[in-house]
Amino acid sequence: MVTSSQTSFIPKQPTSLGKSKRHPSRTSLFVAISGFILFFSLLAASGVYGYERMLLANVTDMTNRLNRLRSSFEPSLIAELKRLDTRLDTLDGLLKNHIAFSNFFSLLSNETLQSIRFTRFEYSYESVDGPVVRLAGRASGYSSVALQSDVFGKSKYFHNPIFSDMTLDNEGNVIFNVSLIIDPVLLEYGTNNTAHSNMTTGL
């Protein structure tokens, strides 16, 4: 008995269509991100390079302007201005070290009682606090000397007044000596002292 087999030429339906469709691989995503980063890095580098070139151009331009300004001044004029500046500095130093007694005499006149007369003036630098002034004077009485001592004691610019050697002359006037220390600021040249004593009359 012949057994016949039926052969079919219709291909069988595949049981699987293969692997399912995949999403873009991680490698492709990394490459894309790297490309963006490289692009923006190049863009930033080109911007920095352009800004640097602009700064260098500005510096060069300003240097050229400065050189033109320097060349516009005559060397002889610059030398003369330097000499004048040196002379002014020297003069300023001399004025600062200059001693002017005009302020002292003005203040002494305002703070001296009408009953007091000074007949001699001396000064020295024996004190570290300031010049020491010695005056010889004549007063109408001992009360005037005491009042004058009080005025000097309250002065802003006269310090440590000492009255001594008080004697009477033939006319009954009191002859005395006084020493006091002057505030150094009073002797500075150009100082505009407006210190005045309210005591304008004596005994």
Protein backbone atom coordinates (compact mmCIF):
# COMPACT_ATOMS: atom_id res chain seq x y z
CA MET A 1 0.00 0.00 0.00
CA VAL A 2 1.49 3.18 -1.17
CA THR A 3 1.31 5.94 1.25
CA SER A 4 1.29 9.35 -0.37
CA SER A 5 2.39 12.41 1.41
CA GLN A 6 1.07 15.80 0.58
CA THR A 7 3.78 18.37 0.15
CA SER A 8 2.82 21.99 0.52
CA PHE A 9 4.82 24.68 -1.16
CA ILE A 10 3.26 27.43 0.91
CA PRO A 11 5.88 28.68 3.34
CA LYS A 12 4.97 28.34 6.86
CA GLN A 13 4.09 31.45 8.79
CA PRO A 14 7.10 32.39 10.86
CA THR A 15 6.43 32.03 14.47
CA SER A 16 8.46 35.15 15.21
CA LEU A 17 9.23 38.24 13.21
CA GLY A 18 12.61 38.49 14.84
CA LYS A 19 13.62 40.94 17.41
CA SER A 20 11.18 43.74 18.09
CA LYS A 21 11.98 47.23 16.76
CA ARG A 22 14.41 48.94 19.12
CA HIS A 23 14.67 52.60 20.23
CA PRO A 24 17.84 54.54 19.29
CA SER A 25 20.73 53.00 21.13
CA ARG A 26 22.44 54.66 24.05
CA THR A 27 25.53 55.07 21.95
CA SER A 28 23.67 57.16 19.37
CA LEU A 29 22.24 59.37 22.13
CA PHE A 30 25.71 59.87 23.64
CA VAL A 31 27.13 60.79 20.24
CA ALA A 32 24.37 63.36 19.71
CA ILE A 33 24.90 64.95 23.11
CA SER A 34 28.65 65.01 22.56
CA GLY A 35 28.08 66.72 19.23
CA PHE A 36 25.96 69.44 20.85
CA ILE A 37 28.55 69.98 23.59
CA LEU A 38 31.34 70.22 21.03
CA PHE A 39 29.33 72.68 18.96
CA PHE A 40 28.62 74.99 21.89
CA SER A 41 32.23 74.69 23.11
CA LEU A 42 33.50 75.79 19.72
CA LEU A 43 30.95 78.60 19.67
CA ALA A 44 32.05 79.81 23.14
CA ALA A 45 35.73 79.54 22.21
CA SER A 46 35.19 81.60 19.10
CA GLY A 47 33.33 84.21 21.18
CA VAL A 48 36.14 84.42 23.73
CA TYR A 49 38.70 84.70 20.94
CA GLY A 50 36.74 87.51 19.32
CA TYR A 51 36.40 89.38 22.65
CA GLU A 52 40.12 89.00 23.29
CA ARG A 53 40.89 90.38 19.85
CA MET A 54 38.60 93.32 20.53
CA LEU A 55 40.34 94.07 23.87
CA LEU A 56 43.76 93.89 22.25
CA ALA A 57 42.59 96.28 19.56
CA ASN A 58 41.30 98.72 22.20
CA VAL A 59 44.57 98.54 24.14
CA THR A 60 46.57 99.16 20.99
CA ASP A 61 44.35 102.10 20.10
CA MET A 62 44.65 103.67 23.55
CA THR A 63 48.43 103.15 23.53
CA ASN A 64 48.66 104.93 20.21
CA ARG A 65 46.57 107.82 21.52
CA LEU A 66 48.74 108.11 24.63
CA ASN A 67 51.88 108.16 22.52
CA ARG A 68 50.40 110.89 20.34
CA LEU A 69 49.51 112.94 23.43
CA ARG A 70 53.00 112.53 24.84
CA SER A 71 54.58 113.60 21.60
CA SER A 72 52.34 116.69 21.50
CA PHE A 73 54.08 118.09 24.64
CA GLU A 74 57.41 119.75 24.14
CA PRO A 75 60.23 118.15 26.18
CA SER A 76 61.44 121.60 27.27
CA LEU A 77 58.00 122.44 28.66
CA ILE A 78 57.86 119.17 30.60
CA ALA A 79 61.32 119.81 32.08
CA GLU A 80 60.31 123.35 33.08
CA LEU A 81 57.12 122.11 34.75
CA LYS A 82 59.14 119.53 36.71
CA ARG A 83 61.53 122.24 37.93
CA LEU A 84 58.59 124.43 38.94
CA ASP A 85 57.00 121.54 40.85
CA THR A 86 60.26 120.94 42.72
CA ARG A 87 60.50 124.63 43.66
CA LEU A 88 56.90 124.66 44.90
CA ASP A 89 57.56 121.59 47.07
CA THR A 90 60.64 123.29 48.54
CA LEU A 91 58.71 126.49 49.22
CA ASP A 92 55.89 124.55 50.85
CA GLY A 93 58.40 122.85 53.17
CA LEU A 94 59.93 126.20 54.14
CA LEU A 95 56.54 127.71 54.91
CA LYS A 96 55.56 124.74 57.05
CA ASN A 97 58.77 125.08 59.09
CA HIS A 98 58.59 128.86 59.27
CA ILE A 99 57.90 130.32 62.71
CA ALA A 100 55.54 133.29 62.77
CA PHE A 101 55.14 135.17 66.06
CA SER A 102 52.49 137.51 64.64
CA ASN A 103 49.69 135.26 65.94
CA PHE A 104 51.35 135.09 69.36
CA PHE A 105 51.64 138.88 69.66
CA SER A 106 48.07 139.34 68.49
CA LEU A 107 46.78 136.89 71.10
CA LEU A 108 49.03 138.36 73.80
CA SER A 109 47.65 141.81 73.06
CA ASN A 110 44.07 140.56 73.41
CA GLU A 111 44.76 138.67 76.63
CA THR A 112 46.76 141.38 78.40
CA LEU A 113 44.95 143.57 80.90
CA GLN A 114 45.00 147.32 80.41
CA SER A 115 46.75 147.68 83.76
CA ILE A 116 49.63 145.46 82.57
CA ARG A 117 52.58 146.51 80.39
CA PHE A 118 55.22 144.13 79.07
CA THR A 119 58.70 145.55 78.58
CA ARG A 120 60.83 142.59 77.49
CA PHE A 121 60.32 139.48 75.34
CA GLU A 122 62.49 136.37 75.02
CA TYR A 123 61.87 132.84 73.80
CA SER A 124 63.69 129.50 73.66
CA TYR A 125 63.03 125.84 72.82
CA GLU A 126 63.99 124.23 76.09
CA SER A 127 60.60 122.49 76.47
CA VAL A 128 59.35 119.56 74.40
CA ASP A 129 55.80 120.93 74.71
CA GLY A 130 56.58 124.08 72.76
CA PRO A 131 58.58 127.32 72.80
CA VAL A 132 59.10 128.93 76.22
CA VAL A 133 58.41 132.67 76.29
CA ARG A 134 59.73 134.94 79.05
CA LEU A 135 58.24 138.37 79.56
CA ALA A 136 59.12 141.22 81.89
CA GLY A 137 56.19 143.37 82.85
CA ARG A 138 54.83 146.16 85.03
CA ALA A 139 51.42 146.17 86.73
CA SER A 140 49.50 148.81 88.61
CA GLY A 141 49.15 146.48 91.61
CA TYR A 142 49.38 142.95 92.91
CA SER A 143 45.71 142.34 92.15
CA SER A 144 46.39 143.06 88.47
CA VAL A 145 49.20 140.50 88.47
CA ALA A 146 46.91 137.92 90.09
CA LEU A 147 44.16 138.61 87.54
CA GLN A 148 46.63 138.44 84.64
CA SER A 149 47.86 135.09 85.94
CA ASP A 150 44.27 133.83 85.94
CA VAL A 151 43.75 135.00 82.32
CA PHE A 152 46.90 133.24 81.12
CA GLY A 153 45.93 130.11 83.03
CA LYS A 154 42.62 129.87 81.14
CA SER A 155 44.17 130.48 77.73
CA LYS A 156 43.97 127.74 75.10
CA TYR A 157 47.41 128.52 73.69
CA PHE A 158 49.41 129.62 76.78
CA HIS A 159 50.40 126.82 79.14
CA ASN A 160 51.99 126.67 82.59
CA PRO A 161 52.32 130.44 83.22
CA ILE A 162 54.71 131.21 86.11
CA PHE A 163 54.94 134.72 87.62
CA SER A 164 58.05 135.52 89.64
CA ASP A 165 60.43 138.24 90.92
CA MET A 166 57.65 140.63 91.91
CA THR A 167 58.93 143.93 93.37
CA LEU A 168 57.69 147.48 93.74
CA ASP A 169 59.28 150.38 91.87
CA ASN A 170 59.50 153.99 93.10
CA GLU A 171 56.03 154.75 91.69
CA GLY A 172 54.32 151.85 93.44
CA ASN A 173 54.01 149.69 90.34
CA VAL A 174 54.66 145.97 90.56
CA ILE A 175 57.62 144.79 88.45
CA PHE A 176 57.44 141.07 87.60
CA ASN A 177 58.63 138.35 85.27
CA VAL A 178 56.47 135.67 83.70
CA SER A 179 57.32 132.56 81.71
CA LEU A 180 54.86 130.42 79.76
CA ILE A 181 54.84 127.70 77.11
CA ILE A 182 53.25 128.50 73.76
CA ASP A 183 51.20 125.93 71.89
CA PRO A 184 53.26 125.20 68.70
CA VAL A 185 50.19 125.53 66.49
CA LEU A 186 50.07 129.22 67.39
CA LEU A 187 53.40 129.77 65.63
CA GLU A 188 52.61 127.92 62.42
CA TYR A 189 52.81 130.17 59.39
CA GLY A 190 49.41 131.01 57.96
CA THR A 191 47.49 129.81 60.98
CA ASN A 192 44.38 131.91 61.34
CA ASN A 193 43.87 131.94 65.07
CA THR A 194 40.74 133.65 66.26
CA ALA A 195 41.25 132.99 69.96
CA HIS A 196 40.43 136.15 71.84
CA SER A 197 40.12 136.77 75.53
CA ASN A 198 36.94 138.22 76.90
CA MET A 199 39.08 140.13 79.39
CA THR A 200 39.61 143.59 77.85
CA THR A 201 39.83 145.77 80.93
CA GLY A 202 42.00 145.58 84.05
CA LEU A 203 41.98 146.85 87.53
